[in-house]
Protein backbone atom coordinates (compact mmCIF):
# COMPACT_ATOMS: atom_id res chain seq x y z
CA MET A 1 125.32 135.62 20.68
CA GLU A 2 127.62 133.09 19.74
CA ARG A 3 129.55 133.11 23.24
CA PHE A 4 126.28 132.93 24.70
CA GLY A 5 124.90 130.09 22.59
CA LYS A 6 128.23 128.00 23.77
CA VAL A 7 127.91 128.63 27.18
CA ALA A 8 123.98 127.84 27.14
CA PHE A 9 124.75 124.83 25.26
CA SER A 10 127.01 123.79 27.85
CA ILE A 11 124.81 123.97 30.96
CA ARG A 12 122.62 120.92 31.53
CA ASN A 13 118.83 121.44 31.75
CA LEU A 14 119.13 125.26 31.35
CA SER A 15 115.74 126.59 31.23
CA LEU A 16 114.63 129.02 28.50
CA GLU A 17 113.29 131.44 30.86
CA VAL A 18 116.81 131.65 32.77
CA ALA A 19 118.85 131.98 29.57
CA SER A 20 116.38 134.53 28.45
CA HIS A 21 116.78 136.72 31.54
CA ARG A 22 120.61 136.30 31.52
CA LEU A 23 120.79 137.43 28.05
CA VAL A 24 118.32 140.40 28.71
CA THR A 25 120.30 141.64 31.71
CA THR A 26 123.80 141.43 29.98
CA LEU A 27 122.90 143.07 26.74
CA LYS A 28 123.37 146.67 26.31
CA GLN A 29 120.03 148.87 25.89
CA SER A 30 119.10 148.15 22.31
CA SER A 31 115.79 147.36 20.07
CA PHE A 32 116.93 143.87 20.49
CA SER A 33 116.90 143.73 24.29
CA ASP A 34 113.89 145.74 24.03
CA ASN A 35 111.97 143.42 22.04
CA LEU A 36 113.19 140.32 24.14
CA CYS A 37 111.42 141.95 27.07
CA LYS A 38 108.36 142.82 25.43
CA LYS A 39 107.72 139.25 23.62
CA SER A 40 109.16 136.32 25.43
CA VAL A 41 110.69 133.71 23.20
CA GLY A 42 109.24 130.28 23.18
CA SER A 43 112.44 128.06 22.39
CA MET A 44 116.30 128.63 22.13
CA ASP A 45 115.88 128.29 18.23
CA GLU A 46 113.72 131.08 18.18
CA LEU A 47 115.94 132.97 20.24
CA ARG A 48 118.69 132.45 18.05
CA GLN A 49 116.47 133.20 14.71
CA ARG A 50 115.25 136.69 16.44
CA ALA A 51 118.82 137.65 17.41
CA PHE A 52 120.12 136.68 13.87
CA LYS A 53 117.46 138.99 12.27
CA PHE A 54 118.17 141.89 14.59
CA MET A 55 121.76 141.64 13.62
CA GLN A 56 121.01 141.50 9.81
CA HIS A 57 118.64 144.65 10.68
CA GLU A 58 121.77 146.34 12.47
CA GLU A 59 124.02 145.66 9.69
CA LEU A 60 121.70 146.94 6.86
CA ARG A 61 120.90 149.98 8.88
CA GLU A 62 124.65 150.64 9.23
CA PHE A 63 125.31 150.11 5.42
CA LYS A 64 122.69 152.56 4.65
CA SER A 65 124.09 155.12 6.92
CA LYS A 66 127.30 154.83 5.42
CA VAL A 67 126.38 154.80 1.89
CA ALA A 68 124.50 157.92 2.89
CA GLU A 69 127.37 159.47 4.67
CA ASP A 70 129.71 158.64 1.48
CA THR A 71 127.06 160.44 -0.89
CA ASP A 72 127.02 163.35 1.05
CA VAL A 73 130.83 163.59 1.27
CA ARG A 74 130.83 163.27 -2.64
CA ARG A 75 128.06 165.70 -3.09
CA ILE A 76 130.26 168.44 -0.79
CA GLU A 77 133.53 167.48 -2.70
CA ARG A 78 131.71 168.24 -6.09
CA LYS A 79 130.36 171.60 -4.78
CA THR A 80 133.77 172.41 -3.45
CA LEU A 81 135.48 171.82 -6.90
CA GLN A 82 132.94 173.81 -8.99
């Protein structure tokens, strides 16, 4: 998103539709790209905000998954030590 923002900012008179379309077509399949296809953005600021929220969501999901994995490993270790 940072690289996209820099490039988009450097293009004079870049339309939101073109920027959104290019972003969606270059993103790998994800809930974020699906969301952008389903509900278009009204401004570049809104696009940045939605991207930020999705990144936060992904980081939280990865953190919770890691915590659950660590908890499972500890549980297995305790069982094997008993």
